[in-house]
PDB file of N, CA and C in Angstrom:
ATOM      1  N   MET A   1      37.411 187.654 -15.435  1.00  0.00           N
ATOM      2  CA  MET A   1      36.560 187.398 -14.799  1.00  0.00           C
ATOM      3  C   MET A   1      35.341 187.476 -15.156  1.00  0.00           C
ATOM      4  N   SER A   2      34.279 186.326 -15.529  1.00  0.00           N
ATOM      5  CA  SER A   2      32.830 186.919 -15.983  1.00  0.00           C
ATOM      6  C   SER A   2      32.046 187.110 -14.692  1.00  0.00           C
ATOM      7  N   ASP A   3      30.731 187.676 -15.546  1.00  0.00           N
ATOM      8  CA  ASP A   3      29.334 187.647 -13.964  1.00  0.00           C
ATOM      9  C   ASP A   3      29.266 186.445 -13.438  1.00  0.00           C
ATOM     10  N   GLY A   4      29.456 185.356 -14.146  1.00  0.00           N
ATOM     11  CA  GLY A   4      28.987 184.018 -13.657  1.00  0.00           C
ATOM     12  C   GLY A   4      30.016 183.641 -12.446  1.00  0.00           C
ATOM     13  N   ASP A   5      31.249 184.184 -12.343  1.00  0.00           N
ATOM     14  CA  ASP A   5      32.480 184.049 -11.532  1.00  0.00           C
ATOM     15  C   ASP A   5      32.202 184.742 -10.220  1.00  0.00           C
ATOM     16  N   LEU A   6      31.708 185.771 -10.870  1.00  0.00           N
ATOM     17  CA  LEU A   6      31.322 186.719  -9.308  1.00  0.00           C
ATOM     18  C   LEU A   6      30.046 186.337  -8.456  1.00  0.00           C
ATOM     19  N   HIS A   7      29.506 185.588  -8.901  1.00  0.00           N
ATOM     20  CA  HIS A   7      28.226 185.296  -8.067  1.00  0.00           C
ATOM     21  C   HIS A   7      28.435 183.505  -7.597  1.00  0.00           C
ATOM     22  N   ARG A   8      29.443 183.018  -7.895  1.00  0.00           N
ATOM     23  CA  ARG A   8      29.659 181.716  -7.813  1.00  0.00           C
ATOM     24  C   ARG A   8      30.282 181.684  -6.307  1.00  0.00           C
ATOM     25  N   GLU A   9      29.501 180.523  -5.722  1.00  0.00           N
ATOM     26  CA  GLU A   9      30.009 180.255  -4.221  1.00  0.00           C
ATOM     27  C   GLU A   9      31.325 179.400  -4.085  1.00  0.00           C
ATOM     28  N   PRO A  10      32.244 179.756  -3.314  1.00  0.00           N
ATOM     29  CA  PRO A  10      33.511 179.309  -3.267  1.00  0.00           C
ATOM     30  C   PRO A  10      33.331 177.878  -3.041  1.00  0.00           C
ATOM     31  N   PRO A  11      34.010 176.829  -3.327  1.00  0.00           N
ATOM     32  CA  PRO A  11      34.012 175.664  -3.174  1.00  0.00           C
ATOM     33  C   PRO A  11      34.228 175.191  -1.375  1.00  0.00           C
ATOM     34  N   ARG A  12      33.486 174.443  -1.194  1.00  0.00           N
ATOM     35  CA  ARG A  12      33.355 174.063   0.547  1.00  0.00           C
ATOM     36  C   ARG A  12      34.680 173.087   0.710  1.00  0.00           C
ATOM     37  N   VAL A  13      35.520 173.281   1.705  1.00  0.00           N
ATOM     38  CA  VAL A  13      36.417 172.442   1.928  1.00  0.00           C
ATOM     39  C   VAL A  13      36.316 171.417   2.541  1.00  0.00           C
ATOM     40  N   MET A  14      36.193 170.103   2.494  1.00  0.00           N
ATOM     41  CA  MET A  14      36.040 169.000   3.292  1.00  0.00           C
ATOM     42  C   MET A  14      37.315 168.175   3.943  1.00  0.00           C
ATOM     43  N   LYS A  15      37.095 167.109   4.845  1.00  0.00           N
ATOM     44  CA  LYS A  15      37.981 166.641   5.118  1.00  0.00           C
ATOM     45  C   LYS A  15      38.875 165.963   4.236  1.00  0.00           C
ATOM     46  N   GLY A  16      40.288 165.908   4.325  1.00  0.00           N
ATOM     47  CA  GLY A  16      41.146 165.467   3.403  1.00  0.00           C
ATOM     48  C   GLY A  16      41.456 166.662   2.458  1.00  0.00           C
ATOM     49  N   GLY A  17      40.730 167.874   2.258  1.00  0.00           N
ATOM     50  CA  GLY A  17      41.202 168.866   1.439  1.00  0.00           C
ATOM     51  C   GLY A  17      40.541 168.757   0.058  1.00  0.00           C
ATOM     52  N   LEU A  18      39.222 167.898  -0.025  1.00  0.00           N
ATOM     53  CA  LEU A  18      38.839 167.345  -1.536  1.00  0.00           C
ATOM     54  C   LEU A  18      37.450 168.341  -1.472  1.00  0.00           C
ATOM     55  N   GLU A  19      37.124 168.649  -2.405  1.00  0.00           N
ATOM     56  CA  GLU A  19      35.965 169.332  -2.842  1.00  0.00           C
ATOM     57  C   GLU A  19      34.830 168.630  -3.282  1.00  0.00           C
ATOM     58  N   ARG A  20      33.477 168.973  -3.486  1.00  0.00           N
ATOM     59  CA  ARG A  20      32.122 168.536  -3.675  1.00  0.00           C
ATOM     60  C   ARG A  20      32.402 167.743  -5.051  1.00  0.00           C
ATOM     61  N   SER A  21      33.043 168.699  -5.984  1.00  0.00           N
ATOM     62  CA  SER A  21      33.085 167.907  -7.203  1.00  0.00           C
ATOM     63  C   SER A  21      34.203 166.578  -7.198  1.00  0.00           C
ATOM     64  N   ASP A  22      34.862 166.141  -6.290  1.00  0.00           N
ATOM     65  CA  ASP A  22      35.780 165.096  -6.082  1.00  0.00           C
ATOM     66  C   ASP A  22      34.918 163.619  -6.062  1.00  0.00           C
ATOM     67  N   TYR A  23      33.568 163.883  -5.702  1.00  0.00           N
ATOM     68  CA  TYR A  23      32.696 162.603  -5.281  1.00  0.00           C
ATOM     69  C   TYR A  23      31.626 162.572  -6.670  1.00  0.00           C
ATOM     70  N   SER A  24      31.455 161.357  -7.013  1.00  0.00           N
ATOM     71  CA  SER A  24      30.369 161.314  -8.042  1.00  0.00           C
ATOM     72  C   SER A  24      29.572 159.976  -7.665  1.00  0.00           C
ATOM     73  N   VAL A  25      28.098 159.649  -8.353  1.00  0.00           N
ATOM     74  CA  VAL A  25      27.224 158.608  -8.198  1.00  0.00           C
ATOM     75  C   VAL A  25      27.418 158.040  -9.448  1.00  0.00           C
ATOM     76  N   VAL A  26      27.641 156.720  -9.492  1.00  0.00           N
ATOM     77  CA  VAL A  26      27.729 155.976 -10.688  1.00  0.00           C
ATOM     78  C   VAL A  26      26.811 154.560 -10.395  1.00  0.00           C
ATOM     79  N   VAL A  27      26.212 154.649 -11.257  1.00  0.00           N
ATOM     80  CA  VAL A  27      24.875 153.515 -11.536  1.00  0.00           C
ATOM     81  C   VAL A  27      25.391 152.051 -12.161  1.00  0.00           C
ATOM     82  N   LYS A  28      25.703 151.025 -11.649  1.00  0.00           N
ATOM     83  CA  LYS A  28      25.858 149.735 -12.167  1.00  0.00           C
ATOM     84  C   LYS A  28      25.188 148.773 -12.128  1.00  0.00           C
ATOM     85  N   ASN A  29      24.959 148.176 -13.492  1.00  0.00           N
ATOM     86  CA  ASN A  29      24.523 146.815 -13.186  1.00  0.00           C
ATOM     87  C   ASN A  29      25.273 145.505 -12.594  1.00  0.00           C
ATOM     88  N   ARG A  30      24.809 145.407 -11.549  1.00  0.00           N
ATOM     89  CA  ARG A  30      25.442 144.370 -10.509  1.00  0.00           C
ATOM     90  C   ARG A  30      24.968 143.100 -10.023  1.00  0.00           C
ATOM     91  N   ALA A  31      23.911 142.823 -10.584  1.00  0.00           N
ATOM     92  CA  ALA A  31      22.909 141.562 -10.266  1.00  0.00           C
ATOM     93  C   ALA A  31      21.938 141.104 -11.416  1.00  0.00           C
ATOM     94  N   ARG A  32      21.087 140.342 -11.115  1.00  0.00           N
ATOM     95  CA  ARG A  32      20.125 139.736 -12.463  1.00  0.00           C
ATOM     96  C   ARG A  32      19.015 140.229 -12.107  1.00  0.00           C
ATOM     97  N   MET A  33      18.283 140.277 -12.956  1.00  0.00           N
ATOM     98  CA  MET A  33      16.817 140.868 -13.095  1.00  0.00           C
ATOM     99  C   MET A  33      16.301 140.099 -11.993  1.00  0.00           C
ATOM    100  N   PRO A  34      15.186 140.667 -11.534  1.00  0.00           N
ATOM    101  CA  PRO A  34      14.446 141.917 -11.979  1.00  0.00           C
ATOM    102  C   PRO A  34      15.082 143.293 -11.062  1.00  0.00           C
ATOM    103  N   LYS A  35      16.081 142.915 -10.432  1.00  0.00           N
ATOM    104  CA  LYS A  35      16.683 144.123  -9.740  1.00  0.00           C
ATOM    105  C   LYS A  35      18.126 144.084  -9.799  1.00  0.00           C
ATOM    106  N   PRO A  36      18.700 144.601 -10.856  1.00  0.00           N
ATOM    107  CA  PRO A  36      20.218 144.547 -11.305  1.00  0.00           C
ATOM    108  C   PRO A  36      20.832 145.601 -10.887  1.00  0.00           C
ATOM    109  N   TRP A  37      20.348 146.749 -10.567  1.00  0.00           N
ATOM    110  CA  TRP A  37      21.137 148.309 -10.459  1.00  0.00           C
ATOM    111  C   TRP A  37      21.311 148.508  -8.968  1.00  0.00           C
ATOM    112  N   ARG A  38      22.705 149.205  -8.935  1.00  0.00           N
ATOM    113  CA  ARG A  38      23.108 149.228  -7.526  1.00  0.00           C
ATOM    114  C   ARG A  38      23.591 150.876  -7.905  1.00  0.00           C
ATOM    115  N   TRP A  39      23.791 151.643  -6.886  1.00  0.00           N
ATOM    116  CA  TRP A  39      24.678 152.989  -7.060  1.00  0.00           C
ATOM    117  C   TRP A  39      25.694 152.575  -6.427  1.00  0.00           C
ATOM    118  N   GLU A  40      26.737 153.303  -6.735  1.00  0.00           N
ATOM    119  CA  GLU A  40      28.216 153.338  -5.884  1.00  0.00           C
ATOM    120  C   GLU A  40      28.753 154.879  -5.842  1.00  0.00           C
ATOM    121  N   ILE A  41      29.321 155.304  -4.720  1.00  0.00           N
ATOM    122  CA  ILE A  41      29.823 156.817  -4.761  1.00  0.00           C
ATOM    123  C   ILE A  41      31.255 156.480  -5.172  1.00  0.00           C
ATOM    124  N   TYR A  42      31.947 157.268  -5.766  1.00  0.00           N
ATOM    125  CA  TYR A  42      33.563 157.207  -6.084  1.00  0.00           C
ATOM    126  C   TYR A  42      34.001 158.331  -5.522  1.00  0.00           C
ATOM    127  N   ARG A  43      35.123 158.667  -5.297  1.00  0.00           N
ATOM    128  CA  ARG A  43      36.055 159.774  -4.964  1.00  0.00           C
ATOM    129  C   ARG A  43      37.204 159.805  -5.726  1.00  0.00           C
ATOM    130  N   ALA A  44      37.628 160.998  -6.065  1.00  0.00           N
ATOM    131  CA  ALA A  44      38.722 161.333  -6.965  1.00  0.00           C
ATOM    132  C   ALA A  44      40.001 160.458  -6.525  1.00  0.00           C
ATOM    133  N   GLY A  45      40.620 159.688  -7.434  1.00  0.00           N
ATOM    134  CA  GLY A  45      41.830 159.254  -6.692  1.00  0.00           C
ATOM    135  C   GLY A  45      41.814 157.749  -6.464  1.00  0.00           C
ATOM    136  N   ARG A  46      40.397 157.304  -6.293  1.00  0.00           N
ATOM    137  CA  ARG A  46      40.295 155.813  -5.712  1.00  0.00           C
ATOM    138  C   ARG A  46      39.421 155.018  -6.635  1.00  0.00           C
ATOM    139  N   VAL A  47      40.041 153.844  -6.816  1.00  0.00           N
ATOM    140  CA  VAL A  47      39.665 152.539  -7.834  1.00  0.00           C
ATOM    141  C   VAL A  47      38.027 152.156  -7.250  1.00  0.00           C
ATOM    142  N   SER A  48      38.096 151.976  -5.912  1.00  0.00           N
ATOM    143  CA  SER A  48      36.888 151.080  -5.297  1.00  0.00           C
ATOM    144  C   SER A  48      36.062 152.338  -4.783  1.00  0.00           C
ATOM    145  N   PRO A  49      34.626 151.852  -4.769  1.00  0.00           N
ATOM    146  CA  PRO A  49      33.818 152.986  -4.064  1.00  0.00           C
ATOM    147  C   PRO A  49      33.955 153.376  -2.673  1.00  0.00           C
ATOM    148  N   VAL A  50      33.490 154.450  -2.593  1.00  0.00           N
ATOM    149  CA  VAL A  50      33.559 154.974  -1.133  1.00  0.00           C
ATOM    150  C   VAL A  50      32.394 154.383  -0.401  1.00  0.00           C
ATOM    151  N   ALA A  51      31.298 154.085  -1.071  1.00  0.00           N
ATOM    152  CA  ALA A  51      29.931 153.721  -0.217  1.00  0.00           C
ATOM    153  C   ALA A  51      29.253 152.922  -1.565  1.00  0.00           C
ATOM    154  N   HIS A  52      28.184 152.496  -1.404  1.00  0.00           N
ATOM    155  CA  HIS A  52      27.439 151.813  -2.307  1.00  0.00           C
ATOM    156  C   HIS A  52      26.133 151.250  -1.414  1.00  0.00           C
ATOM    157  N   SER A  53      24.999 151.212  -2.314  1.00  0.00           N
ATOM    158  CA  SER A  53      23.661 150.727  -1.690  1.00  0.00           C
ATOM    159  C   SER A  53      23.643 149.186  -1.556  1.00  0.00           C
ATOM    160  N   GLU A  54      23.101 148.935  -0.333  1.00  0.00           N
ATOM    161  CA  GLU A  54      22.875 147.757   0.172  1.00  0.00           C
ATOM    162  C   GLU A  54      21.739 146.938  -0.634  1.00  0.00           C
ATOM    163  N   GLU A  55      20.879 147.957  -1.192  1.00  0.00           N
ATOM    164  CA  GLU A  55      19.645 147.192  -1.983  1.00  0.00           C
ATOM    165  C   GLU A  55      19.637 147.260  -3.667  1.00  0.00           C
ATOM    166  N   TYR A  56      19.271 146.693  -4.266  1.00  0.00           N
ATOM    167  CA  TYR A  56      19.313 146.891  -5.518  1.00  0.00           C
ATOM    168  C   TYR A  56      17.950 147.133  -5.981  1.00  0.00           C
ATOM    169  N   PHE A  57      18.024 148.011  -7.407  1.00  0.00           N
ATOM    170  CA  PHE A  57      16.824 148.627  -7.954  1.00  0.00           C
ATOM    171  C   PHE A  57      16.421 148.222  -9.068  1.00  0.00           C
ATOM    172  N   GLU A  58      15.313 148.184  -9.379  1.00  0.00           N
ATOM    173  CA  GLU A  58      14.545 147.522 -10.676  1.00  0.00           C
ATOM    174  C   GLU A  58      14.853 148.575 -11.880  1.00  0.00           C
ATOM    175  N   SER A  59      15.020 149.761 -11.610  1.00  0.00           N
ATOM    176  CA  SER A  59      15.513 150.711 -12.891  1.00  0.00           C
ATOM    177  C   SER A  59      16.779 151.564 -12.441  1.00  0.00           C
ATOM    178  N   ARG A  60      17.508 151.837 -13.410  1.00  0.00           N
ATOM    179  CA  ARG A  60      18.953 152.555 -13.658  1.00  0.00           C
ATOM    180  C   ARG A  60      18.339 154.178 -12.864  1.00  0.00           C
ATOM    181  N   SER A  61      17.544 154.788 -13.174  1.00  0.00           N
ATOM    182  CA  SER A  61      16.900 156.061 -12.931  1.00  0.00           C
ATOM    183  C   SER A  61      16.618 156.232 -11.587  1.00  0.00           C
ATOM    184  N   THR A  62      15.909 154.888 -11.006  1.00  0.00           N
ATOM    185  CA  THR A  62      15.603 154.844  -9.528  1.00  0.00           C
ATOM    186  C   THR A  62      16.930 154.845  -8.734  1.00  0.00           C
ATOM    187  N   ALA A  63      17.963 154.207  -9.083  1.00  0.00           N
ATOM    188  CA  ALA A  63      19.212 153.980  -8.541  1.00  0.00           C
ATOM    189  C   ALA A  63      20.018 154.971  -8.543  1.00  0.00           C
ATOM    190  N   ASN A  64      19.989 155.856  -9.613  1.00  0.00           N
ATOM    191  CA  ASN A  64      20.522 157.149  -9.744  1.00  0.00           C
ATOM    192  C   ASN A  64      20.005 157.869  -8.985  1.00  0.00           C
ATOM    193  N   LEU A  65      18.873 158.270  -8.696  1.00  0.00           N
ATOM    194  CA  LEU A  65      17.976 159.355  -7.672  1.00  0.00           C
ATOM    195  C   LEU A  65      18.436 158.836  -6.304  1.00  0.00           C
ATOM    196  N   GLU A  66      18.466 157.801  -5.849  1.00  0.00           N
ATOM    197  CA  GLU A  66      18.828 157.052  -4.551  1.00  0.00           C
ATOM    198  C   GLU A  66      20.268 157.787  -4.115  1.00  0.00           C
ATOM    199  N   GLY A  67      21.474 157.130  -5.378  1.00  0.00           N
ATOM    200  CA  GLY A  67      22.526 157.544  -4.954  1.00  0.00           C
ATOM    201  C   GLY A  67      22.895 158.900  -4.872  1.00  0.00           C
ATOM    202  N   LYS A  68      22.182 159.715  -5.775  1.00  0.00           N
ATOM    203  CA  LYS A  68      22.486 161.295  -5.394  1.00  0.00           C
ATOM    204  C   LYS A  68      22.005 161.599  -4.079  1.00  0.00           C
ATOM    205  N   LEU A  69      20.536 160.892  -3.415  1.00  0.00           N
ATOM    206  CA  LEU A  69      20.246 161.658  -2.276  1.00  0.00           C
ATOM    207  C   LEU A  69      21.619 160.983  -0.949  1.00  0.00           C
ATOM    208  N   ALA A  70      21.836 159.784  -1.290  1.00  0.00           N
ATOM    209  CA  ALA A  70      23.083 159.198  -0.511  1.00  0.00           C
ATOM    210  C   ALA A  70      24.365 160.126  -0.628  1.00  0.00           C
ATOM    211  N   LEU A  71      24.774 160.399  -1.517  1.00  0.00           N
ATOM    212  CA  LEU A  71      25.856 161.224  -1.694  1.00  0.00           C
ATOM    213  C   LEU A  71      25.584 162.716  -0.913  1.00  0.00           C
ATOM    214  N   GLU A  72      24.636 163.280  -1.193  1.00  0.00           N
ATOM    215  CA  GLU A  72      24.199 164.404  -0.335  1.00  0.00           C
ATOM    216  C   GLU A  72      24.601 164.288   1.111  1.00  0.00           C
ATOM    217  N   GLN A  73      23.941 163.145   1.651  1.00  0.00           N
ATOM    218  CA  GLN A  73      23.826 162.734   2.923  1.00  0.00           C
ATOM    219  C   GLN A  73      25.613 162.448   3.566  1.00  0.00           C
ATOM    220  N   LEU A  74      26.159 161.785   2.653  1.00  0.00           N
ATOM    221  CA  LEU A  74      27.682 161.691   2.613  1.00  0.00           C
ATOM    222  C   LEU A  74      28.422 163.211   2.517  1.00  0.00           C
ATOM    223  N   LEU A  75      28.045 163.547   1.773  1.00  0.00           N
ATOM    224  CA  LEU A  75      28.658 165.398   2.021  1.00  0.00           C
ATOM    225  C   LEU A  75      28.564 166.172   3.023  1.00  0.00           C
ATOM    226  N   LYS A  76      27.500 166.182   3.442  1.00  0.00           N
ATOM    227  CA  LYS A  76      26.880 166.683   4.683  1.00  0.00           C
ATOM    228  C   LYS A  76      27.932 166.267   5.861  1.00  0.00           C
ATOM    229  N   LYS A  77      28.095 165.086   5.974  1.00  0.00           N
ATOM    230  CA  LYS A  77      29.222 164.671   7.166  1.00  0.00           C
ATOM    231  C   LYS A  77      30.673 164.628   6.924  1.00  0.00           C
ATOM    232  N   LEU A  78      30.924 165.139   5.692  1.00  0.00           N
ATOM    233  CA  LEU A  78      32.482 165.463   5.152  1.00  0.00           C
ATOM    234  C   LEU A  78      32.825 166.960   5.259  1.00  0.00           C
ATOM    235  N   VAL A  79      31.880 167.813   5.517  1.00  0.00           N
ATOM    236  CA  VAL A  79      31.893 169.310   5.284  1.00  0.00           C
ATOM    237  C   VAL A  79      32.473 169.839   6.742  1.00  0.00           C
ATOM    238  N   PHE A  80      33.174 170.648   6.560  1.00  0.00           N
ATOM    239  CA  PHE A  80      33.826 171.011   8.154  1.00  0.00           C
ATOM    240  C   PHE A  80      32.836 172.078   8.565  1.00  0.00           C
TER     241      PHE A  80
END
């Protein structure tokens, strides 16, 4: 066991026995310009997203930032 392992916080258990790392944000080009980008949140073992943005964004980076904020809110609801 390394020093990094000693200071690492144990993973939080969420509903369904999943961990934080089982969720990810993906940004996809789903529409036409000028706002083609949308974030989608995926869970391990699922093909379809568990959540996605209702609005579209002009830039991929903005969509990614907003998606990460949405993921944080989703994870807060899922933690026991």
